[in-house]
Amino acid sequence: MESGAYGASKAGGSFELGRFLQQPQTVLRLVSAVLALIVFACIFGEGYINVPQESTLKCIYNHNEDACRYGIGIGILALLGCVFFFALDIYFPQISNVTDRKYIVLADLGFSALWTFLWFVGFCFLTNQWLLTSVIPIGASSARAAIAFSFFSIFTWALLACLAFKRYRMGVEDFMQSYVDPTHDTATPYSSYPNLGNDSYHQQPPFTNNQENADGYQPPAY
């Protein structure tokens, strides 16, 4: 497979599923999606408990509703982001415009870096609220699982950000190698104008009597 801009094959090549699934970014994206789904399922399924003398469900993390909302929010958004960029990874080799490829790689880099930070905040937030929980309720295993998989998600998204940055740097290096400054390109100099001093380029004035071409023709006299 020929190499193209920003770490992908040239546009118009055939799609190879086996090679695509073996790419590090594809594997990491699938793992990140699974981790996000687990965090979302753990908190959404068993993250709310019944509290005596309370009519509403309370969050398992120290009864802090923000902790559950945060975990569910970043989990579902991370899952949707993985699906979106997974689809872009499939379509990416068919994109012939280098500028579009650059914007997609930058979006991947920004999203991965942002979610690395959000997962780190989520891990610290959930851990802190779990340590403040006085009574260990039913569903404690799911609460601990959400914290653990939040911790693992930090590394998967950080690796995705590193791979996106590597693809961006490859694209910039390819551009710098192929770019030629036209002001210093002497291989094809400008073509000069024809020699204006040569009399052969002067056009004769119209409507002149050329005696040599007339062959002795005389107009009739009336």
C-alpha atoms as a PDB file:
ATOM      1  CA  MET A   1       0.000   0.000   0.000  1.00  0.00           C
ATOM      2  CA  GLU A   2       1.441   3.330  -1.019  1.00  0.00           C
ATOM      3  CA  SER A   3       1.829   5.965   1.603  1.00  0.00           C
ATOM      4  CA  GLY A   4      -0.133   9.174   1.301  1.00  0.00           C
ATOM      5  CA  ALA A   5      -0.676  12.362   3.261  1.00  0.00           C
ATOM      6  CA  TYR A   6      -1.140  12.229   7.048  1.00  0.00           C
ATOM      7  CA  GLY A   7      -0.354   8.567   7.513  1.00  0.00           C
ATOM      8  CA  ALA A   8      -2.959   7.081   5.159  1.00  0.00           C
ATOM      9  CA  SER A   9      -2.819   5.508   1.732  1.00  0.00           C
ATOM     10  CA  LYS A  10      -3.315   7.557  -1.391  1.00  0.00           C
ATOM     11  CA  ALA A  11      -6.889   8.283  -2.412  1.00  0.00           C
ATOM     12  CA  GLY A  12      -8.523   5.741  -4.689  1.00  0.00           C
ATOM     13  CA  GLY A  13      -6.877   2.670  -3.184  1.00  0.00           C
ATOM     14  CA  SER A  14      -8.800  -0.442  -2.240  1.00  0.00           C
ATOM     15  CA  PHE A  15     -10.039  -0.852   1.340  1.00  0.00           C
ATOM     16  CA  GLU A  16      -8.451  -3.785   3.178  1.00  0.00           C
ATOM     17  CA  LEU A  17     -10.411  -4.781   6.275  1.00  0.00           C
ATOM     18  CA  GLY A  18      -7.691  -6.968   7.759  1.00  0.00           C
ATOM     19  CA  ARG A  19      -5.041  -4.246   7.519  1.00  0.00           C
ATOM     20  CA  PHE A  20      -7.488  -1.659   8.851  1.00  0.00           C
ATOM     21  CA  LEU A  21      -8.348  -3.719  11.944  1.00  0.00           C
ATOM     22  CA  GLN A  22      -4.654  -4.240  12.680  1.00  0.00           C
ATOM     23  CA  GLN A  23      -3.890  -0.531  12.804  1.00  0.00           C
ATOM     24  CA  PRO A  24      -3.006   0.704  16.321  1.00  0.00           C
ATOM     25  CA  GLN A  25      -5.500   3.573  16.188  1.00  0.00           C
ATOM     26  CA  THR A  26      -8.318   1.186  15.223  1.00  0.00           C
ATOM     27  CA  VAL A  27      -7.523  -1.162  18.108  1.00  0.00           C
ATOM     28  CA  LEU A  28      -7.258   1.699  20.594  1.00  0.00           C
ATOM     29  CA  ARG A  29     -10.485   3.240  19.369  1.00  0.00           C
ATOM     30  CA  LEU A  30     -12.361  -0.030  19.815  1.00  0.00           C
ATOM     31  CA  VAL A  31     -10.886  -0.518  23.302  1.00  0.00           C
ATOM     32  CA  SER A  32     -11.789   3.064  24.240  1.00  0.00           C
ATOM     33  CA  ALA A  33     -15.351   2.519  23.056  1.00  0.00           C
ATOM     34  CA  VAL A  34     -15.674  -0.658  25.150  1.00  0.00           C
ATOM     35  CA  LEU A  35     -14.286   1.073  28.245  1.00  0.00           C
ATOM     36  CA  ALA A  36     -16.641   4.017  27.801  1.00  0.00           C
ATOM     37  CA  LEU A  37     -19.585   1.645  27.408  1.00  0.00           C
ATOM     38  CA  ILE A  38     -18.631  -0.183  30.615  1.00  0.00           C
ATOM     39  CA  VAL A  39     -18.361   3.049  32.608  1.00  0.00           C
ATOM     40  CA  PHE A  40     -21.692   4.239  31.274  1.00  0.00           C
ATOM     41  CA  ALA A  41     -23.412   0.900  31.964  1.00  0.00           C
ATOM     42  CA  CYS A  42     -22.014   0.566  35.495  1.00  0.00           C
ATOM     43  CA  ILE A  43     -23.177   3.987  36.604  1.00  0.00           C
ATOM     44  CA  PHE A  44     -26.435   4.024  34.674  1.00  0.00           C
ATOM     45  CA  GLY A  45     -27.409   0.514  35.731  1.00  0.00           C
ATOM     46  CA  GLU A  46     -26.316   0.366  39.377  1.00  0.00           C
ATOM     47  CA  GLY A  47     -25.134   3.880  40.127  1.00  0.00           C
ATOM     48  CA  TYR A  48     -28.383   4.894  41.827  1.00  0.00           C
ATOM     49  CA  ILE A  49     -29.590   3.320  45.075  1.00  0.00           C
ATOM     50  CA  ASN A  50     -32.589   3.499  47.359  1.00  0.00           C
ATOM     51  CA  VAL A  51     -32.010   5.418  50.547  1.00  0.00           C
ATOM     52  CA  PRO A  52     -34.237   4.903  53.627  1.00  0.00           C
ATOM     53  CA  GLN A  53     -36.708   7.707  54.224  1.00  0.00           C
ATOM     54  CA  GLU A  54     -36.025   9.050  50.721  1.00  0.00           C
ATOM     55  CA  SER A  55     -38.497   8.851  47.867  1.00  0.00           C
ATOM     56  CA  THR A  56     -35.940   9.429  45.108  1.00  0.00           C
ATOM     57  CA  LEU A  57     -32.871   7.444  44.078  1.00  0.00           C
ATOM     58  CA  LYS A  58     -29.497   8.732  45.187  1.00  0.00           C
ATOM     59  CA  CYS A  59     -26.153   8.481  43.494  1.00  0.00           C
ATOM     60  CA  ILE A  60     -23.947   5.715  44.847  1.00  0.00           C
ATOM     61  CA  TYR A  61     -20.988   8.105  45.034  1.00  0.00           C
ATOM     62  CA  ASN A  62     -21.640   9.876  48.325  1.00  0.00           C
ATOM     63  CA  HIS A  63     -25.168  10.751  47.146  1.00  0.00           C
ATOM     64  CA  ASN A  64     -23.597  13.299  44.803  1.00  0.00           C
ATOM     65  CA  GLU A  65     -25.725  13.551  41.693  1.00  0.00           C
ATOM     66  CA  ASP A  66     -23.012  15.439  39.826  1.00  0.00           C
ATOM     67  CA  ALA A  67     -20.661  12.457  40.099  1.00  0.00           C
ATOM     68  CA  CYS A  68     -23.131  10.125  38.424  1.00  0.00           C
ATOM     69  CA  ARG A  69     -24.057  12.664  35.789  1.00  0.00           C
ATOM     70  CA  TYR A  70     -20.420  13.328  34.990  1.00  0.00           C
ATOM     71  CA  GLY A  71     -19.584   9.639  34.626  1.00  0.00           C
ATOM     72  CA  ILE A  72     -22.607   8.951  32.438  1.00  0.00           C
ATOM     73  CA  GLY A  73     -22.002  12.072  30.343  1.00  0.00           C
ATOM     74  CA  ILE A  74     -18.366  11.484  29.475  1.00  0.00           C
ATOM     75  CA  GLY A  75     -19.053   7.792  28.945  1.00  0.00           C
ATOM     76  CA  ILE A  76     -21.792   8.233  26.362  1.00  0.00           C
ATOM     77  CA  LEU A  77     -20.014  11.122  24.606  1.00  0.00           C
ATOM     78  CA  ALA A  78     -16.770   9.150  24.451  1.00  0.00           C
ATOM     79  CA  LEU A  79     -18.655   6.217  22.924  1.00  0.00           C
ATOM     80  CA  LEU A  80     -20.268   8.444  20.293  1.00  0.00           C
ATOM     81  CA  GLY A  81     -16.905  10.056  19.559  1.00  0.00           C
ATOM     82  CA  CYS A  82     -15.303   6.656  19.016  1.00  0.00           C
ATOM     83  CA  VAL A  83     -18.049   5.673  16.579  1.00  0.00           C
ATOM     84  CA  PHE A  84     -17.706   8.968  14.703  1.00  0.00           C
ATOM     85  CA  PHE A  85     -13.927   8.810  14.315  1.00  0.00           C
ATOM     86  CA  PHE A  86     -14.078   5.095  13.550  1.00  0.00           C
ATOM     87  CA  ALA A  87     -16.278   5.935  10.565  1.00  0.00           C
ATOM     88  CA  LEU A  88     -13.858   8.704   9.551  1.00  0.00           C
ATOM     89  CA  ASP A  89     -10.956   6.242   9.742  1.00  0.00           C
ATOM     90  CA  ILE A  90     -12.741   4.026   7.217  1.00  0.00           C
ATOM     91  CA  TYR A  91     -13.476   6.938   4.886  1.00  0.00           C
ATOM     92  CA  PHE A  92     -10.126   8.703   5.427  1.00  0.00           C
ATOM     93  CA  PRO A  93      -8.114   6.941   2.644  1.00  0.00           C
ATOM     94  CA  GLN A  94     -10.772   7.973   0.088  1.00  0.00           C
ATOM     95  CA  ILE A  95     -10.267  11.682   0.827  1.00  0.00           C
ATOM     96  CA  SER A  96      -8.038  13.221  -1.830  1.00  0.00           C
ATOM     97  CA  ASN A  97      -7.974  16.764  -0.437  1.00  0.00           C
ATOM     98  CA  VAL A  98      -4.907  17.193   1.781  1.00  0.00           C
ATOM     99  CA  THR A  99      -6.495  20.118   3.638  1.00  0.00           C
ATOM    100  CA  ASP A 100      -9.509  18.012   4.598  1.00  0.00           C
ATOM    101  CA  ARG A 101      -7.198  15.287   5.859  1.00  0.00           C
ATOM    102  CA  LYS A 102      -5.330  17.811   7.973  1.00  0.00           C
ATOM    103  CA  TYR A 103      -8.518  19.101   9.587  1.00  0.00           C
ATOM    104  CA  ILE A 104      -9.700  15.568  10.384  1.00  0.00           C
ATOM    105  CA  VAL A 105      -6.378  14.679  12.003  1.00  0.00           C
ATOM    106  CA  LEU A 106      -6.413  17.915  14.021  1.00  0.00           C
ATOM    107  CA  ALA A 107      -9.975  17.202  15.148  1.00  0.00           C
ATOM    108  CA  ASP A 108      -8.927  13.715  16.213  1.00  0.00           C
ATOM    109  CA  LEU A 109      -5.960  15.153  18.096  1.00  0.00           C
ATOM    110  CA  GLY A 110      -8.047  17.780  19.879  1.00  0.00           C
ATOM    111  CA  PHE A 111     -10.872  15.402  20.784  1.00  0.00           C
ATOM    112  CA  SER A 112      -8.493  12.714  22.077  1.00  0.00           C
ATOM    113  CA  ALA A 113      -6.500  15.204  24.145  1.00  0.00           C
ATOM    114  CA  LEU A 114      -9.691  16.696  25.583  1.00  0.00           C
ATOM    115  CA  TRP A 115     -11.105  13.325  26.557  1.00  0.00           C
ATOM    116  CA  THR A 116      -7.807  12.308  28.124  1.00  0.00           C
ATOM    117  CA  PHE A 117      -8.177  15.287  30.415  1.00  0.00           C
ATOM    118  CA  LEU A 118     -11.894  14.633  31.066  1.00  0.00           C
ATOM    119  CA  TRP A 119     -11.262  10.987  31.962  1.00  0.00           C
ATOM    120  CA  PHE A 120      -8.528  12.065  34.365  1.00  0.00           C
ATOM    121  CA  VAL A 121     -10.904  14.534  36.000  1.00  0.00           C
ATOM    122  CA  GLY A 122     -13.611  11.882  36.108  1.00  0.00           C
ATOM    123  CA  PHE A 123     -11.323   9.344  37.730  1.00  0.00           C
ATOM    124  CA  CYS A 124     -10.253  11.808  40.416  1.00  0.00           C
ATOM    125  CA  PHE A 125     -13.832  13.003  40.972  1.00  0.00           C
ATOM    126  CA  LEU A 126     -15.358   9.533  41.281  1.00  0.00           C
ATOM    127  CA  THR A 127     -12.534   8.277  43.480  1.00  0.00           C
ATOM    128  CA  ASN A 128     -12.873  11.232  45.820  1.00  0.00           C
ATOM    129  CA  GLN A 129     -16.634  10.831  46.144  1.00  0.00           C
ATOM    130  CA  TRP A 130     -16.310   7.078  46.677  1.00  0.00           C
ATOM    131  CA  LEU A 131     -13.820   7.602  49.507  1.00  0.00           C
ATOM    132  CA  LEU A 132     -16.272  10.018  51.118  1.00  0.00           C
ATOM    133  CA  THR A 133     -19.072   7.464  50.998  1.00  0.00           C
ATOM    134  CA  SER A 134     -19.731   6.443  54.619  1.00  0.00           C
ATOM    135  CA  VAL A 135     -21.804   3.313  54.046  1.00  0.00           C
ATOM    136  CA  ILE A 136     -20.822   0.830  51.353  1.00  0.00           C
ATOM    137  CA  PRO A 137     -24.099   0.168  49.551  1.00  0.00           C
ATOM    138  CA  ILE A 138     -25.242  -2.627  47.277  1.00  0.00           C
ATOM    139  CA  GLY A 139     -23.649  -2.227  43.873  1.00  0.00           C
ATOM    140  CA  ALA A 140     -20.256  -1.289  45.236  1.00  0.00           C
ATOM    141  CA  SER A 141     -18.560  -3.556  42.685  1.00  0.00           C
ATOM    142  CA  SER A 142     -20.083  -1.577  39.816  1.00  0.00           C
ATOM    143  CA  ALA A 143     -18.978   1.687  41.399  1.00  0.00           C
ATOM    144  CA  ARG A 144     -15.406   0.401  41.708  1.00  0.00           C
ATOM    145  CA  ALA A 145     -15.506  -0.931  38.147  1.00  0.00           C
ATOM    146  CA  ALA A 146     -16.514   2.471  36.816  1.00  0.00           C
ATOM    147  CA  ILE A 147     -13.577   4.042  38.649  1.00  0.00           C
ATOM    148  CA  ALA A 148     -11.138   1.418  37.362  1.00  0.00           C
ATOM    149  CA  PHE A 149     -12.223   1.657  33.736  1.00  0.00           C
ATOM    150  CA  SER A 150     -12.139   5.451  33.956  1.00  0.00           C
ATOM    151  CA  PHE A 151      -8.496   5.088  34.944  1.00  0.00           C
ATOM    152  CA  PHE A 152      -7.768   2.781  31.997  1.00  0.00           C
ATOM    153  CA  SER A 153      -9.509   5.176  29.626  1.00  0.00           C
ATOM    154  CA  ILE A 154      -6.961   7.876  30.456  1.00  0.00           C
ATOM    155  CA  PHE A 155      -4.199   5.839  28.819  1.00  0.00           C
ATOM    156  CA  THR A 156      -6.163   4.692  25.773  1.00  0.00           C
ATOM    157  CA  TRP A 157      -7.217   8.234  24.914  1.00  0.00           C
ATOM    158  CA  ALA A 158      -3.707   9.548  25.596  1.00  0.00           C
ATOM    159  CA  LEU A 159      -2.322   6.990  23.144  1.00  0.00           C
ATOM    160  CA  LEU A 160      -4.934   8.028  20.582  1.00  0.00           C
ATOM    161  CA  ALA A 161      -3.815  11.642  20.991  1.00  0.00           C
ATOM    162  CA  CYS A 162      -0.179  10.598  20.481  1.00  0.00           C
ATOM    163  CA  LEU A 163      -1.039   8.680  17.312  1.00  0.00           C
ATOM    164  CA  ALA A 164      -3.022  11.642  15.973  1.00  0.00           C
ATOM    165  CA  PHE A 165      -0.097  13.952  16.691  1.00  0.00           C
ATOM    166  CA  LYS A 166       2.242  11.525  14.917  1.00  0.00           C
ATOM    167  CA  ARG A 167      -0.019  11.501  11.848  1.00  0.00           C
ATOM    168  CA  TYR A 168      -0.141  15.305  11.857  1.00  0.00           C
ATOM    169  CA  ARG A 169       3.641  15.558  12.076  1.00  0.00           C
ATOM    170  CA  MET A 170       4.014  13.085   9.196  1.00  0.00           C
ATOM    171  CA  GLY A 171       1.732  15.247   7.082  1.00  0.00           C
ATOM    172  CA  VAL A 172       3.706  18.389   7.861  1.00  0.00           C
ATOM    173  CA  GLU A 173       7.024  16.686   7.081  1.00  0.00           C
ATOM    174  CA  ASP A 174       5.702  15.353   3.770  1.00  0.00           C
ATOM    175  CA  PHE A 175       4.548  18.853   2.849  1.00  0.00           C
ATOM    176  CA  MET A 176       7.912  20.398   3.704  1.00  0.00           C
ATOM    177  CA  GLN A 177       9.766  17.803   1.635  1.00  0.00           C
ATOM    178  CA  SER A 178       7.557  18.209  -1.429  1.00  0.00           C
ATOM    179  CA  TYR A 179       7.273  22.001  -1.277  1.00  0.00           C
ATOM    180  CA  VAL A 180       9.439  23.985  -3.718  1.00  0.00           C
ATOM    181  CA  ASP A 181       9.758  27.739  -3.391  1.00  0.00           C
ATOM    182  CA  PRO A 182       9.008  29.197  -6.848  1.00  0.00           C
ATOM    183  CA  THR A 183      11.259  32.205  -6.206  1.00  0.00           C
ATOM    184  CA  HIS A 184      14.281  29.909  -5.986  1.00  0.00           C
ATOM    185  CA  ASP A 185      13.339  27.509  -8.769  1.00  0.00           C
ATOM    186  CA  THR A 186      15.795  28.170 -11.622  1.00  0.00           C
ATOM    187  CA  ALA A 187      15.103  24.960 -13.489  1.00  0.00           C
ATOM    188  CA  THR A 188      12.399  26.561 -15.586  1.00  0.00           C
ATOM    189  CA  PRO A 189      13.283  30.228 -16.180  1.00  0.00           C
ATOM    190  CA  TYR A 190      10.789  32.588 -17.671  1.00  0.00           C
ATOM    191  CA  SER A 191      10.750  32.580 -21.460  1.00  0.00           C
ATOM    192  CA  SER A 192      12.038  35.792 -22.936  1.00  0.00           C
ATOM    193  CA  TYR A 193      10.099  37.906 -25.372  1.00  0.00           C
ATOM    194  CA  PRO A 194      11.081  37.696 -29.033  1.00  0.00           C
ATOM    195  CA  ASN A 195      13.766  40.079 -30.284  1.00  0.00           C
ATOM    196  CA  LEU A 196      11.901  43.242 -30.924  1.00  0.00           C
ATOM    197  CA  GLY A 197      14.907  44.715 -32.713  1.00  0.00           C
ATOM    198  CA  ASN A 198      14.644  42.194 -35.518  1.00  0.00           C
ATOM    199  CA  ASP A 199      13.054  43.760 -38.606  1.00  0.00           C
ATOM    200  CA  SER A 200      11.322  40.506 -39.486  1.00  0.00           C
ATOM    201  CA  TYR A 201       8.888  41.051 -36.583  1.00  0.00           C
ATOM    202  CA  HIS A 202       7.760  44.417 -37.928  1.00  0.00           C
ATOM    203  CA  GLN A 203       4.476  44.166 -39.759  1.00  0.00           C
ATOM    204  CA  GLN A 204       4.128  45.998 -42.965  1.00  0.00           C
ATOM    205  CA  PRO A 205       1.479  48.712 -42.995  1.00  0.00           C
ATOM    206  CA  PRO A 206      -1.761  47.731 -44.677  1.00  0.00           C
ATOM    207  CA  PHE A 207      -2.936  48.920 -48.065  1.00  0.00           C
ATOM    208  CA  THR A 208       0.578  49.411 -49.538  1.00  0.00           C
ATOM    209  CA  ASN A 209       1.326  48.906 -53.229  1.00  0.00           C
ATOM    210  CA  ASN A 210       3.858  46.119 -53.492  1.00  0.00           C
ATOM    211  CA  GLN A 211       5.337  46.403 -56.952  1.00  0.00           C
ATOM    212  CA  GLU A 212       7.188  43.101 -56.692  1.00  0.00           C
ATOM    213  CA  ASN A 213       3.997  41.128 -56.118  1.00  0.00           C
ATOM    214  CA  ALA A 214       1.894  43.065 -58.607  1.00  0.00           C
ATOM    215  CA  ASP A 215       3.656  41.389 -61.642  1.00  0.00           C
ATOM    216  CA  GLY A 216       3.385  44.530 -63.784  1.00  0.00           C
ATOM    217  CA  TYR A 217      -0.352  44.890 -63.411  1.00  0.00           C
ATOM    218  CA  GLN A 218      -1.600  48.373 -64.389  1.00  0.00           C
ATOM    219  CA  PRO A 219      -5.096  49.578 -63.687  1.00  0.00           C
ATOM    220  CA  PRO A 220      -7.101  50.357 -66.863  1.00  0.00           C
ATOM    221  CA  ALA A 221      -7.407  53.968 -67.934  1.00  0.00           C
ATOM    222  CA  TYR A 222     -10.872  55.382 -68.541  1.00  0.00           C
END
